[in-house]
C-alpha atoms as a PDB file:
ATOM      1  CA  UNK A   1     -69.332 106.028  75.852  1.00  0.00           C
ATOM      2  CA  UNK A   2     -66.178 104.031  76.978  1.00  0.00           C
ATOM      3  CA  UNK A   3     -63.033 104.454  75.160  1.00  0.00           C
ATOM      4  CA  UNK A   4     -61.555 101.058  74.673  1.00  0.00           C
ATOM      5  CA  UNK A   5     -60.251  98.641  72.144  1.00  0.00           C
ATOM      6  CA  UNK A   6     -63.626  97.621  70.836  1.00  0.00           C
ATOM      7  CA  UNK A   7     -64.964 101.109  70.504  1.00  0.00           C
ATOM      8  CA  UNK A   8     -61.952 102.594  68.898  1.00  0.00           C
ATOM      9  CA  UNK A   9     -61.531  99.704  66.474  1.00  0.00           C
ATOM     10  CA  UNK A  10     -65.065 100.302  65.320  1.00  0.00           C
ATOM     11  CA  UNK A  11     -64.550 104.052  64.787  1.00  0.00           C
ATOM     12  CA  UNK A  12     -61.294 103.389  62.964  1.00  0.00           C
ATOM     13  CA  UNK A  13     -62.680 100.732  60.566  1.00  0.00           C
ATOM     14  CA  UNK A  14     -65.623 102.805  59.647  1.00  0.00           C
ATOM     15  CA  UNK A  15     -63.751 106.034  59.350  1.00  0.00           C
ATOM     16  CA  UNK A  16     -60.663 104.812  57.606  1.00  0.00           C
ATOM     17  CA  UNK A  17     -60.914 107.634  54.987  1.00  0.00           C
ATOM     18  CA  UNK A  18     -60.866 110.324  57.628  1.00  0.00           C
ATOM     19  CA  UNK A  19     -58.380 109.095  60.206  1.00  0.00           C
ATOM     20  CA  UNK A  20     -55.670 106.949  58.408  1.00  0.00           C
ATOM     21  CA  UNK A  21     -54.171 109.860  56.191  1.00  0.00           C
ATOM     22  CA  UNK A  22     -53.241 111.403  59.483  1.00  0.00           C
ATOM     23  CA  UNK A  23     -51.438 108.218  60.530  1.00  0.00           C
ATOM     24  CA  UNK A  24     -49.763 107.835  57.117  1.00  0.00           C
ATOM     25  CA  UNK A  25     -48.529 111.349  57.385  1.00  0.00           C
ATOM     26  CA  UNK A  26     -46.850 110.587  60.606  1.00  0.00           C
ATOM     27  CA  UNK A  27     -45.291 107.368  59.377  1.00  0.00           C
ATOM     28  CA  UNK A  28     -43.917 108.989  56.117  1.00  0.00           C
ATOM     29  CA  UNK A  29     -42.591 112.051  58.161  1.00  0.00           C
ATOM     30  CA  UNK A  30     -40.917 109.682  60.631  1.00  0.00           C
ATOM     31  CA  UNK A  31     -39.113 107.584  57.906  1.00  0.00           C
ATOM     32  CA  UNK A  32     -38.018 110.770  56.183  1.00  0.00           C
ATOM     33  CA  UNK A  33     -36.512 111.988  59.510  1.00  0.00           C
ATOM     34  CA  UNK A  34     -34.665 108.536  60.023  1.00  0.00           C
ATOM     35  CA  UNK A  35     -33.231 108.818  56.754  1.00  0.00           C
ATOM     36  CA  UNK A  36     -31.907 112.419  57.517  1.00  0.00           C
ATOM     37  CA  UNK A  37     -30.420 111.073  60.805  1.00  0.00           C
ATOM     38  CA  UNK A  38     -29.096 107.669  59.692  1.00  0.00           C
ATOM     39  CA  UNK A  39     -29.047 107.844  55.981  1.00  0.00           C
ATOM     40  CA  UNK A  40     -29.844 104.263  56.038  1.00  0.00           C
ATOM     41  CA  UNK A  41     -33.317 102.923  56.858  1.00  0.00           C
ATOM     42  CA  UNK A  42     -32.129  99.377  57.853  1.00  0.00           C
ATOM     43  CA  UNK A  43     -29.602 100.923  60.234  1.00  0.00           C
ATOM     44  CA  UNK A  44     -32.516 102.909  61.623  1.00  0.00           C
ATOM     45  CA  UNK A  45     -34.377  99.745  62.396  1.00  0.00           C
ATOM     46  CA  UNK A  46     -31.362  98.403  64.365  1.00  0.00           C
ATOM     47  CA  UNK A  47     -31.105 101.979  66.050  1.00  0.00           C
ATOM     48  CA  UNK A  48     -34.749 101.859  66.989  1.00  0.00           C
ATOM     49  CA  UNK A  49     -34.241  98.621  69.135  1.00  0.00           C
ATOM     50  CA  UNK A  50     -30.999  99.825  70.831  1.00  0.00           C
ATOM     51  CA  UNK A  51     -32.234 103.385  71.528  1.00  0.00           C
ATOM     52  CA  UNK A  52     -35.342 102.220  72.770  1.00  0.00           C
ATOM     53  CA  UNK A  53     -33.684  99.836  75.334  1.00  0.00           C
ATOM     54  CA  UNK A  54     -31.593 102.878  76.481  1.00  0.00           C
ATOM     55  CA  UNK A  55     -34.790 105.070  76.845  1.00  0.00           C
ATOM     56  CA  UNK A  56     -36.491 102.493  78.843  1.00  0.00           C
ATOM     57  CA  UNK A  57     -33.606 102.025  81.144  1.00  0.00           C
ATOM     58  CA  UNK A  58     -33.779 105.802  81.713  1.00  0.00           C
ATOM     59  CA  UNK A  59     -37.446 105.669  82.403  1.00  0.00           C
ATOM     60  CA  UNK A  60     -37.321 102.644  84.653  1.00  0.00           C
ATOM     61  CA  UNK A  61     -34.582 104.288  86.776  1.00  0.00           C
ATOM     62  CA  UNK A  62     -36.554 107.631  87.046  1.00  0.00           C
ATOM     63  CA  UNK A  63     -38.276 108.510  90.302  1.00  0.00           C
ATOM     64  CA  UNK A  64     -42.032 108.126  90.207  1.00  0.00           C
ATOM     65  CA  UNK A  65     -43.655 111.216  88.421  1.00  0.00           C
ATOM     66  CA  UNK A  66     -40.424 113.108  88.313  1.00  0.00           C
ATOM     67  CA  UNK A  67     -40.951 114.125  84.668  1.00  0.00           C
ATOM     68  CA  UNK A  68     -38.320 116.770  84.836  1.00  0.00           C
ATOM     69  CA  UNK A  69     -35.713 114.021  84.353  1.00  0.00           C
ATOM     70  CA  UNK A  70     -37.288 112.577  81.376  1.00  0.00           C
ATOM     71  CA  UNK A  71     -38.649 115.656  79.700  1.00  0.00           C
ATOM     72  CA  UNK A  72     -37.757 116.938  76.169  1.00  0.00           C
ATOM     73  CA  UNK A  73     -35.902 120.165  77.729  1.00  0.00           C
ATOM     74  CA  UNK A  74     -33.590 117.650  79.481  1.00  0.00           C
ATOM     75  CA  UNK A  75     -32.961 115.191  76.659  1.00  0.00           C
ATOM     76  CA  UNK A  76     -29.505 116.590  75.576  1.00  0.00           C
ATOM     77  CA  UNK A  77     -28.314 116.822  79.274  1.00  0.00           C
ATOM     78  CA  UNK A  78     -29.460 113.472  80.478  1.00  0.00           C
ATOM     79  CA  UNK A  79     -26.884 111.160  82.086  1.00  0.00           C
ATOM     80  CA  UNK A  80     -25.498 108.591  79.786  1.00  0.00           C
ATOM     81  CA  UNK A  81     -27.174 105.142  80.069  1.00  0.00           C
ATOM     82  CA  UNK A  82     -25.191 102.057  78.819  1.00  0.00           C
ATOM     83  CA  UNK A  83     -26.393  98.788  77.585  1.00  0.00           C
ATOM     84  CA  UNK A  84     -23.893  95.881  78.147  1.00  0.00           C
ATOM     85  CA  UNK A  85     -23.217  94.315  74.721  1.00  0.00           C
ATOM     86  CA  UNK A  86     -24.173  90.739  76.084  1.00  0.00           C
ATOM     87  CA  UNK A  87     -27.873  92.075  76.257  1.00  0.00           C
ATOM     88  CA  UNK A  88     -27.744  93.174  72.654  1.00  0.00           C
ATOM     89  CA  UNK A  89     -27.396  89.893  70.927  1.00  0.00           C
ATOM     90  CA  UNK A  90     -27.482  90.129  67.084  1.00  0.00           C
ATOM     91  CA  UNK A  91     -29.862  86.851  66.956  1.00  0.00           C
ATOM     92  CA  UNK A  92     -32.401  88.889  69.140  1.00  0.00           C
ATOM     93  CA  UNK A  93     -32.365  92.230  67.102  1.00  0.00           C
ATOM     94  CA  UNK A  94     -32.510  90.237  64.112  1.00  0.00           C
ATOM     95  CA  UNK A  95     -35.708  88.259  65.159  1.00  0.00           C
ATOM     96  CA  UNK A  96     -37.302  91.409  66.501  1.00  0.00           C
ATOM     97  CA  UNK A  97     -36.968  93.502  63.187  1.00  0.00           C
ATOM     98  CA  UNK A  98     -36.905  90.845  60.630  1.00  0.00           C
ATOM     99  CA  UNK A  99     -33.450  91.762  59.285  1.00  0.00           C
ATOM    100  CA  UNK A 100     -30.789  89.105  58.593  1.00  0.00           C
ATOM    101  CA  UNK A 101     -28.131  88.532  61.228  1.00  0.00           C
ATOM    102  CA  UNK A 102     -25.242  89.643  59.116  1.00  0.00           C
ATOM    103  CA  UNK A 103     -27.089  92.724  57.976  1.00  0.00           C
ATOM    104  CA  UNK A 104     -27.855  93.601  61.587  1.00  0.00           C
ATOM    105  CA  UNK A 105     -24.220  93.268  62.676  1.00  0.00           C
ATOM    106  CA  UNK A 106     -23.010  95.539  59.700  1.00  0.00           C
ATOM    107  CA  UNK A 107     -25.625  98.034  60.484  1.00  0.00           C
ATOM    108  CA  UNK A 108     -24.843  98.096  64.083  1.00  0.00           C
ATOM    109  CA  UNK A 109     -21.132  98.594  63.361  1.00  0.00           C
ATOM    110  CA  UNK A 110     -22.011 101.428  60.982  1.00  0.00           C
ATOM    111  CA  UNK A 111     -23.980 103.110  63.757  1.00  0.00           C
ATOM    112  CA  UNK A 112     -20.767 102.819  65.905  1.00  0.00           C
ATOM    113  CA  UNK A 113     -18.466 104.089  63.102  1.00  0.00           C
ATOM    114  CA  UNK A 114     -20.917 106.982  62.576  1.00  0.00           C
ATOM    115  CA  UNK A 115     -20.590 107.801  66.381  1.00  0.00           C
ATOM    116  CA  UNK A 116     -24.361 107.717  66.544  1.00  0.00           C
ATOM    117  CA  UNK A 117     -23.783 104.867  69.168  1.00  0.00           C
ATOM    118  CA  UNK A 118     -20.593 105.124  71.440  1.00  0.00           C
ATOM    119  CA  UNK A 119     -18.904 101.745  72.257  1.00  0.00           C
ATOM    120  CA  UNK A 120     -16.838 101.603  75.311  1.00  0.00           C
ATOM    121  CA  UNK A 121     -14.312  98.655  74.570  1.00  0.00           C
ATOM    122  CA  UNK A 122     -13.411  98.170  78.216  1.00  0.00           C
ATOM    123  CA  UNK A 123     -16.904  97.911  79.525  1.00  0.00           C
ATOM    124  CA  UNK A 124     -18.056  96.302  76.360  1.00  0.00           C
ATOM    125  CA  UNK A 125     -21.111  98.666  76.347  1.00  0.00           C
ATOM    126  CA  UNK A 126     -23.088 100.926  74.239  1.00  0.00           C
ATOM    127  CA  UNK A 127     -24.473 104.413  74.783  1.00  0.00           C
ATOM    128  CA  UNK A 128     -26.351 106.963  72.651  1.00  0.00           C
ATOM    129  CA  UNK A 129     -24.575 109.958  71.267  1.00  0.00           C
ATOM    130  CA  UNK A 130     -27.508 112.553  71.589  1.00  0.00           C
ATOM    131  CA  UNK A 131     -25.133 115.137  69.823  1.00  0.00           C
ATOM    132  CA  UNK A 132     -25.806 113.306  66.660  1.00  0.00           C
ATOM    133  CA  UNK A 133     -29.557 113.650  66.851  1.00  0.00           C
ATOM    134  CA  UNK A 134     -30.584 117.105  65.369  1.00  0.00           C
ATOM    135  CA  UNK A 135     -33.081 118.799  67.713  1.00  0.00           C
ATOM    136  CA  UNK A 136     -34.997 119.993  64.459  1.00  0.00           C
ATOM    137  CA  UNK A 137     -35.660 116.515  63.672  1.00  0.00           C
ATOM    138  CA  UNK A 138     -37.028 115.601  67.317  1.00  0.00           C
ATOM    139  CA  UNK A 139     -39.210 118.887  67.005  1.00  0.00           C
ATOM    140  CA  UNK A 140     -40.613 117.613  63.850  1.00  0.00           C
ATOM    141  CA  UNK A 141     -41.373 114.163  65.325  1.00  0.00           C
ATOM    142  CA  UNK A 142     -43.041 115.668  68.254  1.00  0.00           C
ATOM    143  CA  UNK A 143     -44.968 117.862  66.077  1.00  0.00           C
ATOM    144  CA  UNK A 144     -46.188 115.117  63.794  1.00  0.00           C
ATOM    145  CA  UNK A 145     -47.070 112.810  66.855  1.00  0.00           C
ATOM    146  CA  UNK A 146     -49.039 115.699  68.261  1.00  0.00           C
ATOM    147  CA  UNK A 147     -50.961 116.046  65.177  1.00  0.00           C
ATOM    148  CA  UNK A 148     -51.780 112.327  65.038  1.00  0.00           C
ATOM    149  CA  UNK A 149     -52.813 112.252  68.637  1.00  0.00           C
ATOM    150  CA  UNK A 150     -54.801 115.450  68.486  1.00  0.00           C
ATOM    151  CA  UNK A 151     -56.681 114.576  65.301  1.00  0.00           C
ATOM    152  CA  UNK A 152     -57.504 111.199  66.621  1.00  0.00           C
ATOM    153  CA  UNK A 153     -58.593 112.747  70.041  1.00  0.00           C
ATOM    154  CA  UNK A 154     -60.667 115.343  68.267  1.00  0.00           C
ATOM    155  CA  UNK A 155     -62.709 112.730  66.561  1.00  0.00           C
ATOM    156  CA  UNK A 156     -63.299 110.600  69.516  1.00  0.00           C
ATOM    157  CA  UNK A 157     -64.427 113.770  71.467  1.00  0.00           C
ATOM    158  CA  UNK A 158     -66.817 114.850  68.677  1.00  0.00           C
ATOM    159  CA  UNK A 159     -68.286 111.244  68.847  1.00  0.00           C
ATOM    160  CA  UNK A 160     -68.679 111.359  72.479  1.00  0.00           C
ATOM    161  CA  UNK A 161     -66.078 108.713  73.529  1.00  0.00           C
ATOM    162  CA  UNK A 162     -64.074 111.321  75.443  1.00  0.00           C
ATOM    163  CA  UNK A 163     -66.231 113.561  77.521  1.00  0.00           C
ATOM    164  CA  UNK A 164     -63.592 116.300  78.190  1.00  0.00           C
ATOM    165  CA  UNK A 165     -61.987 118.811  75.772  1.00  0.00           C
ATOM    166  CA  UNK A 166     -58.363 117.959  75.083  1.00  0.00           C
ATOM    167  CA  UNK A 167     -56.527 120.769  72.990  1.00  0.00           C
ATOM    168  CA  UNK A 168     -53.631 120.210  70.758  1.00  0.00           C
ATOM    169  CA  UNK A 169     -51.444 122.523  72.893  1.00  0.00           C
ATOM    170  CA  UNK A 170     -52.229 120.415  75.958  1.00  0.00           C
ATOM    171  CA  UNK A 171     -51.119 117.233  74.014  1.00  0.00           C
ATOM    172  CA  UNK A 172     -47.958 118.790  72.884  1.00  0.00           C
ATOM    173  CA  UNK A 173     -46.973 120.109  76.389  1.00  0.00           C
ATOM    174  CA  UNK A 174     -47.664 116.691  77.852  1.00  0.00           C
ATOM    175  CA  UNK A 175     -45.455 115.042  75.162  1.00  0.00           C
ATOM    176  CA  UNK A 176     -42.681 117.336  75.827  1.00  0.00           C
ATOM    177  CA  UNK A 177     -42.946 117.006  79.739  1.00  0.00           C
ATOM    178  CA  UNK A 178     -43.268 113.105  79.674  1.00  0.00           C
ATOM    179  CA  UNK A 179     -41.050 112.968  76.369  1.00  0.00           C
ATOM    180  CA  UNK A 180     -39.184 109.461  77.172  1.00  0.00           C
ATOM    181  CA  UNK A 181     -42.523 107.742  78.332  1.00  0.00           C
ATOM    182  CA  UNK A 182     -44.233 108.593  75.067  1.00  0.00           C
ATOM    183  CA  UNK A 183     -41.069 107.929  73.008  1.00  0.00           C
ATOM    184  CA  UNK A 184     -40.553 104.389  74.395  1.00  0.00           C
ATOM    185  CA  UNK A 185     -44.376 103.703  73.593  1.00  0.00           C
ATOM    186  CA  UNK A 186     -43.804 105.307  70.088  1.00  0.00           C
ATOM    187  CA  UNK A 187     -40.801 103.276  69.463  1.00  0.00           C
ATOM    188  CA  UNK A 188     -42.529  99.870  70.606  1.00  0.00           C
ATOM    189  CA  UNK A 189     -45.179 100.649  68.186  1.00  0.00           C
ATOM    190  CA  UNK A 190     -42.879 101.439  65.213  1.00  0.00           C
ATOM    191  CA  UNK A 191     -40.746  98.240  65.915  1.00  0.00           C
ATOM    192  CA  UNK A 192     -43.874  96.112  65.726  1.00  0.00           C
ATOM    193  CA  UNK A 193     -45.377  98.085  62.714  1.00  0.00           C
ATOM    194  CA  UNK A 194     -42.345  97.898  60.453  1.00  0.00           C
ATOM    195  CA  UNK A 195     -40.914  94.569  61.516  1.00  0.00           C
ATOM    196  CA  UNK A 196     -44.335  92.967  60.457  1.00  0.00           C
ATOM    197  CA  UNK A 197     -44.422  94.914  57.203  1.00  0.00           C
ATOM    198  CA  UNK A 198     -40.776  93.662  56.485  1.00  0.00           C
ATOM    199  CA  UNK A 199     -42.159  90.057  56.182  1.00  0.00           C
ATOM    200  CA  UNK A 200     -43.516  91.219  52.898  1.00  0.00           C
ATOM    201  CA  UNK A 201     -41.218  93.945  51.610  1.00  0.00           C
ATOM    202  CA  UNK A 202     -37.829  95.725  52.226  1.00  0.00           C
ATOM    203  CA  UNK A 203     -37.963  98.869  54.376  1.00  0.00           C
ATOM    204  CA  UNK A 204     -37.528 101.316  51.326  1.00  0.00           C
ATOM    205  CA  UNK A 205     -40.309  99.658  49.276  1.00  0.00           C
ATOM    206  CA  UNK A 206     -42.515 100.010  52.457  1.00  0.00           C
ATOM    207  CA  UNK A 207     -41.714 103.766  52.597  1.00  0.00           C
ATOM    208  CA  UNK A 208     -42.713 104.072  48.761  1.00  0.00           C
ATOM    209  CA  UNK A 209     -46.010 102.324  49.395  1.00  0.00           C
ATOM    210  CA  UNK A 210     -46.709 104.360  52.457  1.00  0.00           C
ATOM    211  CA  UNK A 211     -46.154 107.648  50.678  1.00  0.00           C
ATOM    212  CA  UNK A 212     -48.430 106.628  47.782  1.00  0.00           C
ATOM    213  CA  UNK A 213     -51.145 105.411  50.294  1.00  0.00           C
ATOM    214  CA  UNK A 214     -50.670 108.977  51.942  1.00  0.00           C
ATOM    215  CA  UNK A 215     -50.949 110.674  48.621  1.00  0.00           C
ATOM    216  CA  UNK A 216     -54.175 108.740  47.455  1.00  0.00           C
ATOM    217  CA  UNK A 217     -56.105 108.769  50.766  1.00  0.00           C
ATOM    218  CA  UNK A 218     -55.324 112.374  51.399  1.00  0.00           C
ATOM    219  CA  UNK A 219     -56.915 113.231  48.156  1.00  0.00           C
ATOM    220  CA  UNK A 220     -59.936 111.182  49.166  1.00  0.00           C
ATOM    221  CA  UNK A 221     -60.103 112.845  52.438  1.00  0.00           C
ATOM    222  CA  UNK A 222     -60.618 116.081  50.867  1.00  0.00           C
ATOM    223  CA  UNK A 223     -63.792 114.689  49.501  1.00  0.00           C
ATOM    224  CA  UNK A 224     -64.906 114.337  53.325  1.00  0.00           C
ATOM    225  CA  UNK A 225     -66.401 110.930  52.434  1.00  0.00           C
ATOM    226  CA  UNK A 226     -66.618 108.345  55.195  1.00  0.00           C
ATOM    227  CA  UNK A 227     -65.435 105.002  54.023  1.00  0.00           C
ATOM    228  CA  UNK A 228     -63.911 101.882  55.363  1.00  0.00           C
ATOM    229  CA  UNK A 229     -60.469 100.605  53.945  1.00  0.00           C
ATOM    230  CA  UNK A 230     -62.066  98.399  51.347  1.00  0.00           C
ATOM    231  CA  UNK A 231     -64.221 101.309  49.951  1.00  0.00           C
ATOM    232  CA  UNK A 232     -61.165 103.422  50.141  1.00  0.00           C
ATOM    233  CA  UNK A 233     -59.052 101.255  47.886  1.00  0.00           C
ATOM    234  CA  UNK A 234     -61.825 100.647  45.542  1.00  0.00           C
ATOM    235  CA  UNK A 235     -62.514 104.386  45.245  1.00  0.00           C
ATOM    236  CA  UNK A 236     -59.077 105.171  44.536  1.00  0.00           C
ATOM    237  CA  UNK A 237     -59.133 103.126  41.445  1.00  0.00           C
ATOM    238  CA  UNK A 238     -62.306 104.897  40.362  1.00  0.00           C
ATOM    239  CA  UNK A 239     -61.393 108.424  41.044  1.00  0.00           C
ATOM    240  CA  UNK A 240     -60.064 110.263  37.988  1.00  0.00           C
ATOM    241  CA  UNK A 241     -58.923 113.213  40.145  1.00  0.00           C
ATOM    242  CA  UNK A 242     -56.354 111.080  41.978  1.00  0.00           C
ATOM    243  CA  UNK A 243     -53.049 112.160  40.772  1.00  0.00           C
ATOM    244  CA  UNK A 244     -50.062 109.834  41.560  1.00  0.00           C
ATOM    245  CA  UNK A 245     -46.601 110.712  42.325  1.00  0.00           C
ATOM    246  CA  UNK A 246     -43.654 110.561  39.853  1.00  0.00           C
ATOM    247  CA  UNK A 247     -40.414 109.063  40.553  1.00  0.00           C
ATOM    248  CA  UNK A 248     -38.744 112.386  41.160  1.00  0.00           C
ATOM    249  CA  UNK A 249     -41.350 113.503  43.687  1.00  0.00           C
ATOM    250  CA  UNK A 250     -40.921 110.018  45.386  1.00  0.00           C
ATOM    251  CA  UNK A 251     -37.160 110.357  45.634  1.00  0.00           C
ATOM    252  CA  UNK A 252     -37.210 114.095  46.757  1.00  0.00           C
ATOM    253  CA  UNK A 253     -39.695 113.309  49.734  1.00  0.00           C
ATOM    254  CA  UNK A 254     -38.346 109.981  50.909  1.00  0.00           C
ATOM    255  CA  UNK A 255     -34.524 111.034  50.292  1.00  0.00           C
ATOM    256  CA  UNK A 256     -33.927 107.655  48.479  1.00  0.00           C
ATOM    257  CA  UNK A 257     -31.763 107.860  45.504  1.00  0.00           C
ATOM    258  CA  UNK A 258     -33.802 108.256  42.359  1.00  0.00           C
ATOM    259  CA  UNK A 259     -32.121 104.990  40.643  1.00  0.00           C
ATOM    260  CA  UNK A 260     -33.092 103.181  43.803  1.00  0.00           C
ATOM    261  CA  UNK A 261     -36.704 104.465  43.473  1.00  0.00           C
ATOM    262  CA  UNK A 262     -36.940 103.347  39.987  1.00  0.00           C
ATOM    263  CA  UNK A 263     -35.755  99.839  40.777  1.00  0.00           C
ATOM    264  CA  UNK A 264     -38.160  99.482  43.752  1.00  0.00           C
ATOM    265  CA  UNK A 265     -41.147 100.863  41.855  1.00  0.00           C
ATOM    266  CA  UNK A 266     -40.694  98.437  39.057  1.00  0.00           C
ATOM    267  CA  UNK A 267     -40.944  95.566  41.651  1.00  0.00           C
ATOM    268  CA  UNK A 268     -43.808  96.996  43.310  1.00  0.00           C
ATOM    269  CA  UNK A 269     -45.769  97.610  40.166  1.00  0.00           C
ATOM    270  CA  UNK A 270     -45.023  93.991  38.992  1.00  0.00           C
ATOM    271  CA  UNK A 271     -46.186  92.517  42.504  1.00  0.00           C
ATOM    272  CA  UNK A 272     -49.356  94.676  42.166  1.00  0.00           C
ATOM    273  CA  UNK A 273     -48.845  97.233  44.954  1.00  0.00           C
ATOM    274  CA  UNK A 274     -48.753 100.199  42.657  1.00  0.00           C
ATOM    275  CA  UNK A 275     -50.588 101.211  39.535  1.00  0.00           C
ATOM    276  CA  UNK A 276     -49.278 103.587  37.139  1.00  0.00           C
ATOM    277  CA  UNK A 277     -50.928 106.174  34.919  1.00  0.00           C
ATOM    278  CA  UNK A 278     -50.223 107.458  31.321  1.00  0.00           C
ATOM    279  CA  UNK A 279     -48.153 110.223  32.773  1.00  0.00           C
ATOM    280  CA  UNK A 280     -45.899 107.670  34.637  1.00  0.00           C
ATOM    281  CA  UNK A 281     -47.380 108.630  37.958  1.00  0.00           C
ATOM    282  CA  UNK A 282     -48.045 105.951  40.577  1.00  0.00           C
ATOM    283  CA  UNK A 283     -50.773 105.456  42.918  1.00  0.00           C
ATOM    284  CA  UNK A 284     -51.795 102.624  45.335  1.00  0.00           C
ATOM    285  CA  UNK A 285     -53.403  99.508  43.776  1.00  0.00           C
ATOM    286  CA  UNK A 286     -56.372  97.603  45.180  1.00  0.00           C
ATOM    287  CA  UNK A 287     -54.640  95.393  47.506  1.00  0.00           C
ATOM    288  CA  UNK A 288     -57.731  93.430  48.379  1.00  0.00           C
ATOM    289  CA  UNK A 289     -58.021  92.119  44.879  1.00  0.00           C
ATOM    290  CA  UNK A 290     -54.501  91.566  43.628  1.00  0.00           C
ATOM    291  CA  UNK A 291     -53.442  88.065  43.313  1.00  0.00           C
ATOM    292  CA  UNK A 292     -50.164  88.315  45.292  1.00  0.00           C
ATOM    293  CA  UNK A 293     -51.594  90.564  48.149  1.00  0.00           C
ATOM    294  CA  UNK A 294     -55.304  89.742  48.661  1.00  0.00           C
ATOM    295  CA  UNK A 295     -54.628  86.887  50.936  1.00  0.00           C
ATOM    296  CA  UNK A 296     -52.393  88.392  53.393  1.00  0.00           C
ATOM    297  CA  UNK A 297     -53.469  92.143  53.094  1.00  0.00           C
ATOM    298  CA  UNK A 298     -56.742  91.819  55.303  1.00  0.00           C
ATOM    299  CA  UNK A 299     -54.636  89.971  58.079  1.00  0.00           C
ATOM    300  CA  UNK A 300     -52.178  92.888  57.717  1.00  0.00           C
ATOM    301  CA  UNK A 301     -54.698  95.609  57.875  1.00  0.00           C
ATOM    302  CA  UNK A 302     -56.317  93.896  61.081  1.00  0.00           C
ATOM    303  CA  UNK A 303     -52.885  93.607  62.850  1.00  0.00           C
ATOM    304  CA  UNK A 304     -52.089  97.280  62.034  1.00  0.00           C
ATOM    305  CA  UNK A 305     -55.406  98.450  63.303  1.00  0.00           C
ATOM    306  CA  UNK A 306     -54.872  96.435  66.598  1.00  0.00           C
ATOM    307  CA  UNK A 307     -51.386  98.094  67.194  1.00  0.00           C
ATOM    308  CA  UNK A 308     -52.521 101.652  66.225  1.00  0.00           C
ATOM    309  CA  UNK A 309     -55.315 101.389  68.698  1.00  0.00           C
ATOM    310  CA  UNK A 310     -53.003  99.962  71.444  1.00  0.00           C
ATOM    311  CA  UNK A 311     -50.628 102.808  70.963  1.00  0.00           C
ATOM    312  CA  UNK A 312     -53.235 105.405  70.936  1.00  0.00           C
ATOM    313  CA  UNK A 313     -54.831 104.117  74.154  1.00  0.00           C
ATOM    314  CA  UNK A 314     -51.536 103.930  75.840  1.00  0.00           C
ATOM    315  CA  UNK A 315     -50.712 107.497  74.861  1.00  0.00           C
ATOM    316  CA  UNK A 316     -54.246 108.500  76.123  1.00  0.00           C
ATOM    317  CA  UNK A 317     -53.508 106.682  79.624  1.00  0.00           C
ATOM    318  CA  UNK A 318     -50.064 108.572  79.706  1.00  0.00           C
ATOM    319  CA  UNK A 319     -51.816 111.786  79.074  1.00  0.00           C
ATOM    320  CA  UNK A 320     -54.477 111.274  81.890  1.00  0.00           C
ATOM    321  CA  UNK A 321     -51.703 110.504  84.351  1.00  0.00           C
ATOM    322  CA  UNK A 322     -50.816 113.893  86.080  1.00  0.00           C
ATOM    323  CA  UNK A 323     -48.419 114.875  88.752  1.00  0.00           C
END
């Protein structure tokens, strides 16, 4: 069988309970790592756009198939690449990530004050300070992306959509070898994913919902039942074994202050995103039936499925491309 948008979409929709916990794990780990680097999730959204442009500039200037220049081993030794500030208009970044203009301006300035971005006043240009990016964080992100790609790949191999065997170790080695190529695709995807979600919620609330979704779907996945997303949400409500997360656990995992978590959870519960049990533990609500979410949630699910598929297929094409 051919691996394309249509076949991947059908498999993903049918096997939501099996495949999506892997995706939610990648997303929650990614957001947690951003909080460690930037200590500010809105600032991390601005950084995603700016650093992605820097990485793309490096990739586009690279000699064809000269992967040594863009590999992970060379990341901290790469020549500095600059973006002229005129190409980084606040309005453009604001529209891309659905963050107000003044917030973008403040967050960009914070990134410069924190020396994550280096601003050259004479050239009026910005470069990335790689010394501020902990290698352990990048190692974790590579590991999580490897896990996501290998689990999805394994599933498509077992269902005969991919004829050749592809190991997790092969995927990780390719990720490290073609690091910046994968990274730009990854950031393109993350910008699309989170900017669309921000139409409905702030980034910290999104993080909390994703974490609760991961917790609930992971427990369903242990049952090894194959379900689409509607069945998943319905079964979460009916499963007595699904244990929610308390405020302290959410704060510890997300690195969001406890008082902020409490404030966000109150709003999320009121809006029908989360349910609470008698022990004050929170789990995902059935968003297909809630009055405030049922109209846009199916559209959101379809959009997310499309960009996940596009990202997976792009990574698969990068993997297939050899020296």
